[in-house]
Amino acid sequence: MAKNVFFDIAVKKASGILGKKGRLVMLVSKLALKLRSVNWKEVKTTDVKDKFFTLGRLLKAYALGHYREIPWKPLLLITAAVIYFINPIDFLPDWIPGAGLTDDVGILMSVFASFGAEINKFILWEKSQLSPA
């Protein structure tokens, strides 16, 4: 990922949140609120919203102890990406119309590009939990 001091801060915060169930659940709650408040018409990539929802479900499953089949580094950077998205003050502040989410989407896409295999494993696990045995 490109050097971004705000993302570096998010990584440090993520390391303090992981391992603390309550703080991770709170982060997922904040993500849900943020996802509801975003003007998705400004986001040009159609699957961005779904990708953020996927990260939220992954973190929730991890926090609740349902899914632990993810290595530390992807988990840390996924958590950092969510923190970065939630934080309104970052490289491009969210209040800038039309551009404020550009950096957030860039971070999200970078995480998916780097850890897509791990995220896909979670999606497969999630689907297996929904199908009757």
C-alpha atoms as a PDB file:
ATOM      1  CA  MET A   1       0.000   0.000   0.000  1.00  0.00           C
ATOM      2  CA  ALA A   2       1.129   3.551  -0.681  1.00  0.00           C
ATOM      3  CA  LYS A   3       2.458   5.588   2.235  1.00  0.00           C
ATOM      4  CA  ASN A   4      -0.409   7.317   4.015  1.00  0.00           C
ATOM      5  CA  VAL A   5       0.157   8.716   7.504  1.00  0.00           C
ATOM      6  CA  PHE A   6      -3.570   8.493   8.298  1.00  0.00           C
ATOM      7  CA  PHE A   7      -3.601   4.808   7.398  1.00  0.00           C
ATOM      8  CA  ASP A   8      -0.520   4.273   9.559  1.00  0.00           C
ATOM      9  CA  ILE A   9      -2.471   5.781  12.466  1.00  0.00           C
ATOM     10  CA  ALA A  10      -5.400   3.474  11.657  1.00  0.00           C
ATOM     11  CA  VAL A  11      -3.054   0.459  11.750  1.00  0.00           C
ATOM     12  CA  LYS A  12      -1.845   1.461  15.218  1.00  0.00           C
ATOM     13  CA  LYS A  13      -5.431   1.853  16.408  1.00  0.00           C
ATOM     14  CA  ALA A  14      -6.332  -1.513  14.868  1.00  0.00           C
ATOM     15  CA  SER A  15      -3.583  -3.261  16.793  1.00  0.00           C
ATOM     16  CA  GLY A  16      -5.085  -1.869  19.995  1.00  0.00           C
ATOM     17  CA  ILE A  17      -8.599  -3.006  19.086  1.00  0.00           C
ATOM     18  CA  LEU A  18      -7.870  -6.561  17.992  1.00  0.00           C
ATOM     19  CA  GLY A  19      -8.056  -8.987  20.860  1.00  0.00           C
ATOM     20  CA  LYS A  20     -10.615  -6.828  22.646  1.00  0.00           C
ATOM     21  CA  LYS A  21     -14.023  -8.226  21.768  1.00  0.00           C
ATOM     22  CA  GLY A  22     -16.003  -5.220  23.017  1.00  0.00           C
ATOM     23  CA  ARG A  23     -13.905  -2.702  21.111  1.00  0.00           C
ATOM     24  CA  LEU A  24     -14.103  -4.748  17.925  1.00  0.00           C
ATOM     25  CA  VAL A  25     -17.887  -5.106  18.220  1.00  0.00           C
ATOM     26  CA  MET A  26     -18.101  -1.327  18.789  1.00  0.00           C
ATOM     27  CA  LEU A  27     -16.029  -0.774  15.636  1.00  0.00           C
ATOM     28  CA  VAL A  28     -18.431  -2.954  13.642  1.00  0.00           C
ATOM     29  CA  SER A  29     -21.352  -0.912  15.044  1.00  0.00           C
ATOM     30  CA  LYS A  30     -19.661   2.317  13.974  1.00  0.00           C
ATOM     31  CA  LEU A  31     -19.084   0.820  10.539  1.00  0.00           C
ATOM     32  CA  ALA A  32     -22.792   0.023  10.232  1.00  0.00           C
ATOM     33  CA  LEU A  33     -23.696   3.619  11.111  1.00  0.00           C
ATOM     34  CA  LYS A  34     -21.175   4.996   8.617  1.00  0.00           C
ATOM     35  CA  LEU A  35     -22.425   2.682   5.863  1.00  0.00           C
ATOM     36  CA  ARG A  36     -25.942   4.042   6.371  1.00  0.00           C
ATOM     37  CA  SER A  37     -24.776   7.660   6.203  1.00  0.00           C
ATOM     38  CA  VAL A  38     -22.727   7.459   2.993  1.00  0.00           C
ATOM     39  CA  ASN A  39     -24.154   8.905  -0.207  1.00  0.00           C
ATOM     40  CA  TRP A  40     -23.455   5.830  -2.341  1.00  0.00           C
ATOM     41  CA  LYS A  41     -24.382   7.718  -5.523  1.00  0.00           C
ATOM     42  CA  GLU A  42     -21.022   9.543  -5.193  1.00  0.00           C
ATOM     43  CA  VAL A  43     -19.128   6.245  -5.297  1.00  0.00           C
ATOM     44  CA  LYS A  44     -18.460   5.223  -8.881  1.00  0.00           C
ATOM     45  CA  THR A  45     -17.475   1.604  -8.180  1.00  0.00           C
ATOM     46  CA  THR A  46     -20.623  -0.464  -7.809  1.00  0.00           C
ATOM     47  CA  ASP A  47     -19.361  -3.167  -5.458  1.00  0.00           C
ATOM     48  CA  VAL A  48     -17.675  -0.907  -2.893  1.00  0.00           C
ATOM     49  CA  LYS A  49     -20.652  -0.924  -0.534  1.00  0.00           C
ATOM     50  CA  ASP A  50     -20.792  -4.736  -0.634  1.00  0.00           C
ATOM     51  CA  LYS A  51     -17.056  -4.957   0.069  1.00  0.00           C
ATOM     52  CA  PHE A  52     -17.374  -2.776   3.159  1.00  0.00           C
ATOM     53  CA  PHE A  53     -20.313  -4.893   4.347  1.00  0.00           C
ATOM     54  CA  THR A  54     -18.207  -8.022   3.822  1.00  0.00           C
ATOM     55  CA  LEU A  55     -15.389  -6.592   5.943  1.00  0.00           C
ATOM     56  CA  GLY A  56     -17.919  -5.723   8.643  1.00  0.00           C
ATOM     57  CA  ARG A  57     -19.325  -9.252   8.667  1.00  0.00           C
ATOM     58  CA  LEU A  58     -15.808 -10.701   8.807  1.00  0.00           C
ATOM     59  CA  LEU A  59     -14.838  -8.528  11.770  1.00  0.00           C
ATOM     60  CA  LYS A  60     -18.090  -9.311  13.571  1.00  0.00           C
ATOM     61  CA  ALA A  61     -17.622 -13.057  13.050  1.00  0.00           C
ATOM     62  CA  TYR A  62     -14.055 -12.758  14.320  1.00  0.00           C
ATOM     63  CA  ALA A  63     -15.062 -10.666  17.353  1.00  0.00           C
ATOM     64  CA  LEU A  64     -17.739 -13.168  18.327  1.00  0.00           C
ATOM     65  CA  GLY A  65     -15.315 -16.076  17.943  1.00  0.00           C
ATOM     66  CA  HIS A  66     -17.243 -17.668  15.078  1.00  0.00           C
ATOM     67  CA  TYR A  67     -14.492 -17.238  12.476  1.00  0.00           C
ATOM     68  CA  ARG A  68     -10.821 -17.394  13.399  1.00  0.00           C
ATOM     69  CA  GLU A  69      -9.306 -18.794  10.189  1.00  0.00           C
ATOM     70  CA  ILE A  70      -7.589 -15.571   9.190  1.00  0.00           C
ATOM     71  CA  PRO A  71      -3.925 -14.707   9.706  1.00  0.00           C
ATOM     72  CA  TRP A  72      -2.999 -11.728  11.854  1.00  0.00           C
ATOM     73  CA  LYS A  73      -1.691  -9.396   9.117  1.00  0.00           C
ATOM     74  CA  PRO A  74      -4.806  -9.479   6.914  1.00  0.00           C
ATOM     75  CA  LEU A  75      -6.986  -9.114   9.994  1.00  0.00           C
ATOM     76  CA  LEU A  76      -4.954  -6.132  11.175  1.00  0.00           C
ATOM     77  CA  LEU A  77      -5.079  -4.362   7.811  1.00  0.00           C
ATOM     78  CA  ILE A  78      -8.791  -5.123   7.305  1.00  0.00           C
ATOM     79  CA  THR A  79      -9.470  -3.613  10.731  1.00  0.00           C
ATOM     80  CA  ALA A  80      -7.306  -0.610   9.847  1.00  0.00           C
ATOM     81  CA  ALA A  81      -9.207  -0.134   6.572  1.00  0.00           C
ATOM     82  CA  VAL A  82     -12.495  -0.046   8.491  1.00  0.00           C
ATOM     83  CA  ILE A  83     -11.064   2.447  10.999  1.00  0.00           C
ATOM     84  CA  TYR A  84      -9.801   4.592   8.118  1.00  0.00           C
ATOM     85  CA  PHE A  85     -13.251   4.508   6.479  1.00  0.00           C
ATOM     86  CA  ILE A  86     -15.042   5.452   9.696  1.00  0.00           C
ATOM     87  CA  ASN A  87     -12.692   8.314  10.521  1.00  0.00           C
ATOM     88  CA  PRO A  88     -13.970  11.499   8.798  1.00  0.00           C
ATOM     89  CA  ILE A  89     -10.538  13.147   8.924  1.00  0.00           C
ATOM     90  CA  ASP A  90      -8.075  11.360   6.670  1.00  0.00           C
ATOM     91  CA  PHE A  91      -6.057  12.014   3.523  1.00  0.00           C
ATOM     92  CA  LEU A  92      -9.182  13.340   1.751  1.00  0.00           C
ATOM     93  CA  PRO A  93     -11.717  14.364   4.426  1.00  0.00           C
ATOM     94  CA  ASP A  94     -15.125  12.764   3.872  1.00  0.00           C
ATOM     95  CA  TRP A  95     -16.952  16.092   3.820  1.00  0.00           C
ATOM     96  CA  ILE A  96     -15.390  17.037   0.459  1.00  0.00           C
ATOM     97  CA  PRO A  97     -18.241  16.433  -2.029  1.00  0.00           C
ATOM     98  CA  GLY A  98     -17.443  13.956  -4.764  1.00  0.00           C
ATOM     99  CA  ALA A  99     -13.885  13.303  -3.581  1.00  0.00           C
ATOM    100  CA  GLY A 100     -14.077  12.626   0.144  1.00  0.00           C
ATOM    101  CA  LEU A 101     -14.502   8.886  -0.201  1.00  0.00           C
ATOM    102  CA  THR A 102     -11.900   8.451  -2.935  1.00  0.00           C
ATOM    103  CA  ASP A 103      -9.071   7.603  -0.547  1.00  0.00           C
ATOM    104  CA  ASP A 104     -11.329   5.345   1.538  1.00  0.00           C
ATOM    105  CA  VAL A 105     -12.280   3.392  -1.582  1.00  0.00           C
ATOM    106  CA  GLY A 106      -8.607   3.221  -2.574  1.00  0.00           C
ATOM    107  CA  ILE A 107      -7.688   1.706   0.797  1.00  0.00           C
ATOM    108  CA  LEU A 108     -10.569  -0.755   0.523  1.00  0.00           C
ATOM    109  CA  MET A 109      -9.552  -1.848  -2.971  1.00  0.00           C
ATOM    110  CA  SER A 110      -5.934  -2.206  -1.862  1.00  0.00           C
ATOM    111  CA  VAL A 111      -6.977  -4.455   1.036  1.00  0.00           C
ATOM    112  CA  PHE A 112      -9.106  -6.575  -1.293  1.00  0.00           C
ATOM    113  CA  ALA A 113      -6.264  -6.795  -3.822  1.00  0.00           C
ATOM    114  CA  SER A 114      -3.782  -7.808  -1.128  1.00  0.00           C
ATOM    115  CA  PHE A 115      -5.976 -10.170   0.870  1.00  0.00           C
ATOM    116  CA  GLY A 116      -8.700 -11.220  -1.546  1.00  0.00           C
ATOM    117  CA  ALA A 117      -7.901 -14.900  -1.028  1.00  0.00           C
ATOM    118  CA  GLU A 118      -8.388 -14.572   2.753  1.00  0.00           C
ATOM    119  CA  ILE A 119     -11.586 -12.570   2.286  1.00  0.00           C
ATOM    120  CA  ASN A 120     -12.884 -15.159  -0.192  1.00  0.00           C
ATOM    121  CA  LYS A 121     -12.170 -17.917   2.343  1.00  0.00           C
ATOM    122  CA  PHE A 122     -14.344 -16.027   4.808  1.00  0.00           C
ATOM    123  CA  ILE A 123     -17.120 -15.637   2.212  1.00  0.00           C
ATOM    124  CA  LEU A 124     -17.041 -19.389   1.524  1.00  0.00           C
ATOM    125  CA  TRP A 125     -17.106 -20.117   5.260  1.00  0.00           C
ATOM    126  CA  GLU A 126     -20.017 -17.702   5.665  1.00  0.00           C
ATOM    127  CA  LYS A 127     -21.975 -19.401   2.883  1.00  0.00           C
ATOM    128  CA  SER A 128     -21.310 -22.799   4.458  1.00  0.00           C
ATOM    129  CA  GLN A 129     -22.870 -21.547   7.691  1.00  0.00           C
ATOM    130  CA  LEU A 130     -26.057 -20.596   5.848  1.00  0.00           C
ATOM    131  CA  SER A 131     -26.545 -23.833   3.924  1.00  0.00           C
ATOM    132  CA  PRO A 132     -28.307 -26.715   5.656  1.00  0.00           C
ATOM    133  CA  ALA A 133     -26.072 -29.663   6.463  1.00  0.00           C
END
